[in-house]
PDB file of N, CA and C in Angstrom:
ATOM      1  N   MET A   1      -1.178 -10.541  -4.420  1.00  0.00           N
ATOM      2  CA  MET A   1      -0.541  -9.283  -4.187  1.00  0.00           C
ATOM      3  C   MET A   1       0.470  -8.939  -5.277  1.00  0.00           C
ATOM      4  N   SER A   2       0.279  -9.550  -6.435  1.00  0.00           N
ATOM      5  CA  SER A   2       1.211  -9.283  -7.530  1.00  0.00           C
ATOM      6  C   SER A   2       1.191  -7.812  -7.928  1.00  0.00           C
ATOM      7  N   THR A   3       0.073  -7.138  -7.738  1.00  0.00           N
ATOM      8  CA  THR A   3       0.001  -5.718  -8.063  1.00  0.00           C
ATOM      9  C   THR A   3       0.996  -4.930  -7.216  1.00  0.00           C
ATOM     10  N   LEU A   4       1.073  -5.227  -5.947  1.00  0.00           N
ATOM     11  CA  LEU A   4       2.013  -4.519  -5.081  1.00  0.00           C
ATOM     12  C   LEU A   4       3.459  -4.831  -5.456  1.00  0.00           C
ATOM     13  N   HIS A   5       3.728  -6.057  -5.867  1.00  0.00           N
ATOM     14  CA  HIS A   5       5.076  -6.403  -6.304  1.00  0.00           C
ATOM     15  C   HIS A   5       5.440  -5.639  -7.577  1.00  0.00           C
ATOM     16  N   GLU A   6       4.489  -5.466  -8.458  1.00  0.00           N
ATOM     17  CA  GLU A   6       4.726  -4.679  -9.673  1.00  0.00           C
ATOM     18  C   GLU A   6       5.035  -3.230  -9.315  1.00  0.00           C
ATOM     19  N   VAL A   7       4.321  -2.688  -8.345  1.00  0.00           N
ATOM     20  CA  VAL A   7       4.553  -1.314  -7.915  1.00  0.00           C
ATOM     21  C   VAL A   7       5.950  -1.195  -7.291  1.00  0.00           C
ATOM     22  N   ILE A   8       6.343  -2.188  -6.507  1.00  0.00           N
ATOM     23  CA  ILE A   8       7.675  -2.163  -5.899  1.00  0.00           C
ATOM     24  C   ILE A   8       8.755  -2.108  -6.986  1.00  0.00           C
ATOM     25  N   ASN A   9       8.527  -2.826  -8.074  1.00  0.00           N
ATOM     26  CA  ASN A   9       9.511  -2.891  -9.159  1.00  0.00           C
ATOM     27  C   ASN A   9       9.353  -1.775 -10.183  1.00  0.00           C
ATOM     28  N   SER A  10       8.563  -0.769  -9.875  1.00  0.00           N
ATOM     29  CA  SER A  10       8.274   0.309 -10.825  1.00  0.00           C
ATOM     30  C   SER A  10       9.432   1.285 -11.013  1.00  0.00           C
ATOM     31  N   GLY A  11      10.336   1.314 -10.068  1.00  0.00           N
ATOM     32  CA  GLY A  11      11.431   2.275 -10.148  1.00  0.00           C
ATOM     33  C   GLY A  11      11.067   3.639  -9.580  1.00  0.00           C
ATOM     34  N   GLN A  12       9.882   3.768  -9.037  1.00  0.00           N
ATOM     35  CA  GLN A  12       9.425   5.015  -8.434  1.00  0.00           C
ATOM     36  C   GLN A  12       9.453   4.855  -6.910  1.00  0.00           C
ATOM     37  N   PRO A  13      10.440   5.465  -6.246  1.00  0.00           N
ATOM     38  CA  PRO A  13      10.592   5.262  -4.796  1.00  0.00           C
ATOM     39  C   PRO A  13       9.359   5.588  -3.974  1.00  0.00           C
ATOM     40  N   TRP A  14       8.614   6.650  -4.329  1.00  0.00           N
ATOM     41  CA  TRP A  14       7.437   7.025  -3.543  1.00  0.00           C
ATOM     42  C   TRP A  14       6.410   5.901  -3.550  1.00  0.00           C
ATOM     43  N   ALA A  15       6.281   5.200  -4.675  1.00  0.00           N
ATOM     44  CA  ALA A  15       5.303   4.114  -4.797  1.00  0.00           C
ATOM     45  C   ALA A  15       5.862   2.809  -4.234  1.00  0.00           C
ATOM     46  N   ALA A  16       7.112   2.529  -4.524  1.00  0.00           N
ATOM     47  CA  ALA A  16       7.735   1.288  -4.060  1.00  0.00           C
ATOM     48  C   ALA A  16       7.747   1.215  -2.537  1.00  0.00           C
ATOM     49  N   ASP A  17       8.066   2.321  -1.896  1.00  0.00           N
ATOM     50  CA  ASP A  17       8.089   2.341  -0.434  1.00  0.00           C
ATOM     51  C   ASP A  17       6.710   2.053   0.147  1.00  0.00           C
ATOM     52  N   ARG A  18       5.697   2.646  -0.435  1.00  0.00           N
ATOM     53  CA  ARG A  18       4.327   2.433   0.056  1.00  0.00           C
ATOM     54  C   ARG A  18       3.871   0.991  -0.180  1.00  0.00           C
ATOM     55  N   ALA A  19       4.190   0.448  -1.331  1.00  0.00           N
ATOM     56  CA  ALA A  19       3.799  -0.932  -1.634  1.00  0.00           C
ATOM     57  C   ALA A  19       4.510  -1.910  -0.703  1.00  0.00           C
ATOM     58  N   ALA A  20       5.786  -1.681  -0.445  1.00  0.00           N
ATOM     59  CA  ALA A  20       6.531  -2.545   0.471  1.00  0.00           C
ATOM     60  C   ALA A  20       5.936  -2.477   1.870  1.00  0.00           C
ATOM     61  N   MET A  21       5.558  -1.291   2.295  1.00  0.00           N
ATOM     62  CA  MET A  21       4.945  -1.132   3.616  1.00  0.00           C
ATOM     63  C   MET A  21       3.621  -1.893   3.679  1.00  0.00           C
ATOM     64  N   ALA A  22       2.835  -1.829   2.618  1.00  0.00           N
ATOM     65  CA  ALA A  22       1.554  -2.547   2.597  1.00  0.00           C
ATOM     66  C   ALA A  22       1.777  -4.046   2.750  1.00  0.00           C
ATOM     67  N   LEU A  23       2.802  -4.576   2.090  1.00  0.00           N
ATOM     68  CA  LEU A  23       3.096  -6.001   2.217  1.00  0.00           C
ATOM     69  C   LEU A  23       3.582  -6.347   3.621  1.00  0.00           C
ATOM     70  N   GLN A  24       4.343  -5.450   4.231  1.00  0.00           N
ATOM     71  CA  GLN A  24       4.797  -5.673   5.605  1.00  0.00           C
ATOM     72  C   GLN A  24       3.617  -5.665   6.577  1.00  0.00           C
ATOM     73  N   VAL A  25       2.692  -4.765   6.360  1.00  0.00           N
ATOM     74  CA  VAL A  25       1.495  -4.708   7.200  1.00  0.00           C
ATOM     75  C   VAL A  25       0.683  -5.985   7.039  1.00  0.00           C
ATOM     76  N   GLN A  26       0.555  -6.442   5.805  1.00  0.00           N
ATOM     77  CA  GLN A  26      -0.190  -7.679   5.558  1.00  0.00           C
ATOM     78  C   GLN A  26       0.453  -8.849   6.307  1.00  0.00           C
ATOM     79  N   GLU A  27       1.766  -8.951   6.238  1.00  0.00           N
ATOM     80  CA  GLU A  27       2.467 -10.027   6.931  1.00  0.00           C
ATOM     81  C   GLU A  27       2.289  -9.920   8.446  1.00  0.00           C
ATOM     82  N   ALA A  28       2.418  -8.709   8.987  1.00  0.00           N
ATOM     83  CA  ALA A  28       2.246  -8.500  10.429  1.00  0.00           C
ATOM     84  C   ALA A  28       0.830  -8.856  10.867  1.00  0.00           C
ATOM     85  N   LEU A  29      -0.119  -8.549  10.035  1.00  0.00           N
ATOM     86  CA  LEU A  29      -1.515  -8.878  10.329  1.00  0.00           C
ATOM     87  C   LEU A  29      -1.719 -10.387  10.345  1.00  0.00           C
ATOM     88  N   GLN A  30      -1.153 -11.056   9.370  1.00  0.00           N
ATOM     89  CA  GLN A  30      -1.309 -12.507   9.265  1.00  0.00           C
ATOM     90  C   GLN A  30      -0.624 -13.259  10.399  1.00  0.00           C
ATOM     91  N   THR A  31       0.473 -12.707  10.906  1.00  0.00           N
ATOM     92  CA  THR A  31       1.201 -13.375  11.985  1.00  0.00           C
ATOM     93  C   THR A  31       0.741 -12.938  13.365  1.00  0.00           C
ATOM     94  N   GLY A  32      -0.232 -12.034  13.411  1.00  0.00           N
ATOM     95  CA  GLY A  32      -0.769 -11.590  14.686  1.00  0.00           C
ATOM     96  C   GLY A  32       0.067 -10.534  15.385  1.00  0.00           C
ATOM     97  N   GLN A  33       1.017  -9.942  14.680  1.00  0.00           N
ATOM     98  CA  GLN A  33       1.863  -8.917  15.266  1.00  0.00           C
ATOM     99  C   GLN A  33       1.202  -7.544  15.246  1.00  0.00           C
ATOM    100  N   MET A  34       0.074  -7.449  14.567  1.00  0.00           N
ATOM    101  CA  MET A  34      -0.611  -6.162  14.430  1.00  0.00           C
ATOM    102  C   MET A  34      -2.119  -6.424  14.443  1.00  0.00           C
ATOM    103  N   SER A  35      -2.842  -5.529  15.086  1.00  0.00           N
ATOM    104  CA  SER A  35      -4.298  -5.673  15.113  1.00  0.00           C
ATOM    105  C   SER A  35      -4.898  -5.198  13.784  1.00  0.00           C
ATOM    106  N   GLN A  36      -6.122  -5.589  13.541  1.00  0.00           N
ATOM    107  CA  GLN A  36      -6.815  -5.159  12.329  1.00  0.00           C
ATOM    108  C   GLN A  36      -6.977  -3.647  12.294  1.00  0.00           C
ATOM    109  N   ASP A  37      -7.262  -3.056  13.440  1.00  0.00           N
ATOM    110  CA  ASP A  37      -7.427  -1.597  13.492  1.00  0.00           C
ATOM    111  C   ASP A  37      -6.131  -0.874  13.156  1.00  0.00           C
ATOM    112  N   GLU A  38      -5.018  -1.367  13.698  1.00  0.00           N
ATOM    113  CA  GLU A  38      -3.713  -0.766  13.397  1.00  0.00           C
ATOM    114  C   GLU A  38      -3.392  -0.895  11.910  1.00  0.00           C
ATOM    115  N   ALA A  39      -3.630  -2.081  11.383  1.00  0.00           N
ATOM    116  CA  ALA A  39      -3.343  -2.329   9.974  1.00  0.00           C
ATOM    117  C   ALA A  39      -4.196  -1.433   9.085  1.00  0.00           C
ATOM    118  N   ARG A  40      -5.460  -1.343   9.390  1.00  0.00           N
ATOM    119  CA  ARG A  40      -6.369  -0.511   8.596  1.00  0.00           C
ATOM    120  C   ARG A  40      -5.917   0.949   8.599  1.00  0.00           C
ATOM    121  N   ALA A  41      -5.521   1.465   9.764  1.00  0.00           N
ATOM    122  CA  ALA A  41      -5.085   2.862   9.863  1.00  0.00           C
ATOM    123  C   ALA A  41      -3.838   3.107   9.013  1.00  0.00           C
ATOM    124  N   ILE A  42      -2.888   2.215   9.084  1.00  0.00           N
ATOM    125  CA  ILE A  42      -1.654   2.367   8.302  1.00  0.00           C
ATOM    126  C   ILE A  42      -1.950   2.277   6.815  1.00  0.00           C
ATOM    127  N   LEU A  43      -2.734   1.293   6.420  1.00  0.00           N
ATOM    128  CA  LEU A  43      -3.042   1.101   5.001  1.00  0.00           C
ATOM    129  C   LEU A  43      -3.822   2.284   4.435  1.00  0.00           C
ATOM    130  N   GLU A  44      -4.767   2.788   5.195  1.00  0.00           N
ATOM    131  CA  GLU A  44      -5.530   3.947   4.732  1.00  0.00           C
ATOM    132  C   GLU A  44      -4.630   5.161   4.560  1.00  0.00           C
ATOM    133  N   ASP A  45      -3.651   5.309   5.456  1.00  0.00           N
ATOM    134  CA  ASP A  45      -2.714   6.426   5.343  1.00  0.00           C
ATOM    135  C   ASP A  45      -1.826   6.279   4.106  1.00  0.00           C
ATOM    136  N   LEU A  46      -1.502   5.049   3.735  1.00  0.00           N
ATOM    137  CA  LEU A  46      -0.658   4.817   2.560  1.00  0.00           C
ATOM    138  C   LEU A  46      -1.303   5.318   1.273  1.00  0.00           C
ATOM    139  N   VAL A  47      -2.610   5.310   1.224  1.00  0.00           N
ATOM    140  CA  VAL A  47      -3.303   5.738   0.001  1.00  0.00           C
ATOM    141  C   VAL A  47      -4.065   7.045   0.215  1.00  0.00           C
ATOM    142  N   ASN A  48      -3.647   7.804   1.218  1.00  0.00           N
ATOM    143  CA  ASN A  48      -4.226   9.118   1.473  1.00  0.00           C
ATOM    144  C   ASN A  48      -4.121   9.960   0.206  1.00  0.00           C
ATOM    145  N   THR A  49      -5.224  10.448  -0.278  1.00  0.00           N
ATOM    146  CA  THR A  49      -5.280  11.154  -1.561  1.00  0.00           C
ATOM    147  C   THR A  49      -4.368  12.364  -1.621  1.00  0.00           C
ATOM    148  N   GLU A  50      -4.364  13.179  -0.588  1.00  0.00           N
ATOM    149  CA  GLU A  50      -3.524  14.379  -0.604  1.00  0.00           C
ATOM    150  C   GLU A  50      -2.047  14.028  -0.719  1.00  0.00           C
ATOM    151  N   LYS A  51      -1.615  13.039   0.040  1.00  0.00           N
ATOM    152  CA  LYS A  51      -0.209  12.642  -0.005  1.00  0.00           C
ATOM    153  C   LYS A  51       0.148  12.060  -1.363  1.00  0.00           C
ATOM    154  N   LEU A  52      -0.737  11.255  -1.916  1.00  0.00           N
ATOM    155  CA  LEU A  52      -0.455  10.663  -3.223  1.00  0.00           C
ATOM    156  C   LEU A  52      -0.392  11.720  -4.312  1.00  0.00           C
ATOM    157  N   GLU A  53      -1.275  12.676  -4.259  1.00  0.00           N
ATOM    158  CA  GLU A  53      -1.280  13.728  -5.269  1.00  0.00           C
ATOM    159  C   GLU A  53      -0.008  14.557  -5.203  1.00  0.00           C
ATOM    160  N   ALA A  54       0.510  14.746  -4.002  1.00  0.00           N
ATOM    161  CA  ALA A  54       1.724  15.545  -3.839  1.00  0.00           C
ATOM    162  C   ALA A  54       2.962  14.800  -4.328  1.00  0.00           C
ATOM    163  N   GLU A  55       2.965  13.473  -4.177  1.00  0.00           N
ATOM    164  CA  GLU A  55       4.161  12.700  -4.488  1.00  0.00           C
ATOM    165  C   GLU A  55       4.105  11.972  -5.817  1.00  0.00           C
ATOM    166  N   GLY A  56       2.927  11.532  -6.206  1.00  0.00           N
ATOM    167  CA  GLY A  56       2.853  10.646  -7.354  1.00  0.00           C
ATOM    168  C   GLY A  56       2.169  11.236  -8.559  1.00  0.00           C
ATOM    169  N   ALA A  57       2.962  11.610  -9.547  1.00  0.00           N
ATOM    170  CA  ALA A  57       2.387  12.188 -10.759  1.00  0.00           C
ATOM    171  C   ALA A  57       1.900  11.114 -11.724  1.00  0.00           C
ATOM    172  N   ASP A  58       2.436   9.915 -11.604  1.00  0.00           N
ATOM    173  CA  ASP A  58       2.083   8.821 -12.511  1.00  0.00           C
ATOM    174  C   ASP A  58       0.730   8.240 -12.095  1.00  0.00           C
ATOM    175  N   LEU A  59      -0.307   8.598 -12.826  1.00  0.00           N
ATOM    176  CA  LEU A  59      -1.666   8.188 -12.449  1.00  0.00           C
ATOM    177  C   LEU A  59      -1.861   6.679 -12.511  1.00  0.00           C
ATOM    178  N   GLN A  60      -1.261   6.024 -13.489  1.00  0.00           N
ATOM    179  CA  GLN A  60      -1.420   4.576 -13.619  1.00  0.00           C
ATOM    180  C   GLN A  60      -0.757   3.858 -12.439  1.00  0.00           C
ATOM    181  N   LEU A  61       0.417   4.317 -12.061  1.00  0.00           N
ATOM    182  CA  LEU A  61       1.113   3.719 -10.926  1.00  0.00           C
ATOM    183  C   LEU A  61       0.363   3.996  -9.627  1.00  0.00           C
ATOM    184  N   ARG A  62      -0.158   5.197  -9.507  1.00  0.00           N
ATOM    185  CA  ARG A  62      -0.945   5.555  -8.325  1.00  0.00           C
ATOM    186  C   ARG A  62      -2.184   4.658  -8.229  1.00  0.00           C
ATOM    187  N   ALA A  63      -2.838   4.421  -9.342  1.00  0.00           N
ATOM    188  CA  ALA A  63      -4.025   3.558  -9.350  1.00  0.00           C
ATOM    189  C   ALA A  63      -3.660   2.122  -8.967  1.00  0.00           C
ATOM    190  N   ALA A  64      -2.530   1.634  -9.455  1.00  0.00           N
ATOM    191  CA  ALA A  64      -2.086   0.280  -9.124  1.00  0.00           C
ATOM    192  C   ALA A  64      -1.799   0.167  -7.628  1.00  0.00           C
ATOM    193  N   LEU A  65      -1.171   1.190  -7.068  1.00  0.00           N
ATOM    194  CA  LEU A  65      -0.884   1.190  -5.635  1.00  0.00           C
ATOM    195  C   LEU A  65      -2.168   1.168  -4.825  1.00  0.00           C
ATOM    196  N   VAL A  66      -3.102   2.011  -5.179  1.00  0.00           N
ATOM    197  CA  VAL A  66      -4.383   2.069  -4.464  1.00  0.00           C
ATOM    198  C   VAL A  66      -5.105   0.731  -4.572  1.00  0.00           C
ATOM    199  N   PHE A  67      -5.092   0.128  -5.754  1.00  0.00           N
ATOM    200  CA  PHE A  67      -5.738  -1.168  -5.947  1.00  0.00           C
ATOM    201  C   PHE A  67      -5.102  -2.229  -5.058  1.00  0.00           C
ATOM    202  N   GLY A  68      -3.772  -2.283  -5.058  1.00  0.00           N
ATOM    203  CA  GLY A  68      -3.076  -3.277  -4.244  1.00  0.00           C
ATOM    204  C   GLY A  68      -3.326  -3.094  -2.762  1.00  0.00           C
ATOM    205  N   VAL A  69      -3.278  -1.860  -2.299  1.00  0.00           N
ATOM    206  CA  VAL A  69      -3.519  -1.591  -0.876  1.00  0.00           C
ATOM    207  C   VAL A  69      -4.970  -1.900  -0.519  1.00  0.00           C
ATOM    208  N   THR A  70      -5.881  -1.615  -1.424  1.00  0.00           N
ATOM    209  CA  THR A  70      -7.295  -1.926  -1.189  1.00  0.00           C
ATOM    210  C   THR A  70      -7.508  -3.428  -1.048  1.00  0.00           C
ATOM    211  N   GLN A  71      -6.768  -4.216  -1.815  1.00  0.00           N
ATOM    212  CA  GLN A  71      -6.852  -5.675  -1.676  1.00  0.00           C
ATOM    213  C   GLN A  71      -6.435  -6.097  -0.274  1.00  0.00           C
ATOM    214  N   VAL A  72      -5.348  -5.525   0.227  1.00  0.00           N
ATOM    215  CA  VAL A  72      -4.904  -5.856   1.586  1.00  0.00           C
ATOM    216  C   VAL A  72      -5.940  -5.385   2.603  1.00  0.00           C
ATOM    217  N   LEU A  73      -6.481  -4.197   2.391  1.00  0.00           N
ATOM    218  CA  LEU A  73      -7.506  -3.670   3.306  1.00  0.00           C
ATOM    219  C   LEU A  73      -8.727  -4.591   3.386  1.00  0.00           C
ATOM    220  N   SER A  74      -9.056  -5.206   2.281  1.00  0.00           N
ATOM    221  CA  SER A  74     -10.239  -6.065   2.271  1.00  0.00           C
ATOM    222  C   SER A  74     -10.047  -7.304   3.153  1.00  0.00           C
ATOM    223  N   MET A  75      -8.816  -7.590   3.505  1.00  0.00           N
ATOM    224  CA  MET A  75      -8.530  -8.732   4.389  1.00  0.00           C
ATOM    225  C   MET A  75      -8.631  -8.362   5.862  1.00  0.00           C
ATOM    226  N   CYS A  76      -8.710  -7.070   6.140  1.00  0.00           N
ATOM    227  CA  CYS A  76      -8.763  -6.618   7.548  1.00  0.00           C
ATOM    228  C   CYS A  76     -10.125  -6.837   8.142  1.00  0.00           C
TER     229      CYS A  76
END
């Protein structure tokens, strides 16, 4: 999940907040505090295209966020 950590340290609050949330969801999933369906719904919302386009102008950072969240999604 180093990609998500890089996004958190990007200095862009819109991306850092989403990356931190993805890591929290991953942890909740691993500890059984959240179901796979709940985790999938939250993670998919984090990379919702319309929301990202409205908030994130940095295409490279947006791509890194989507990649990192997709990695977490693949564990669901």
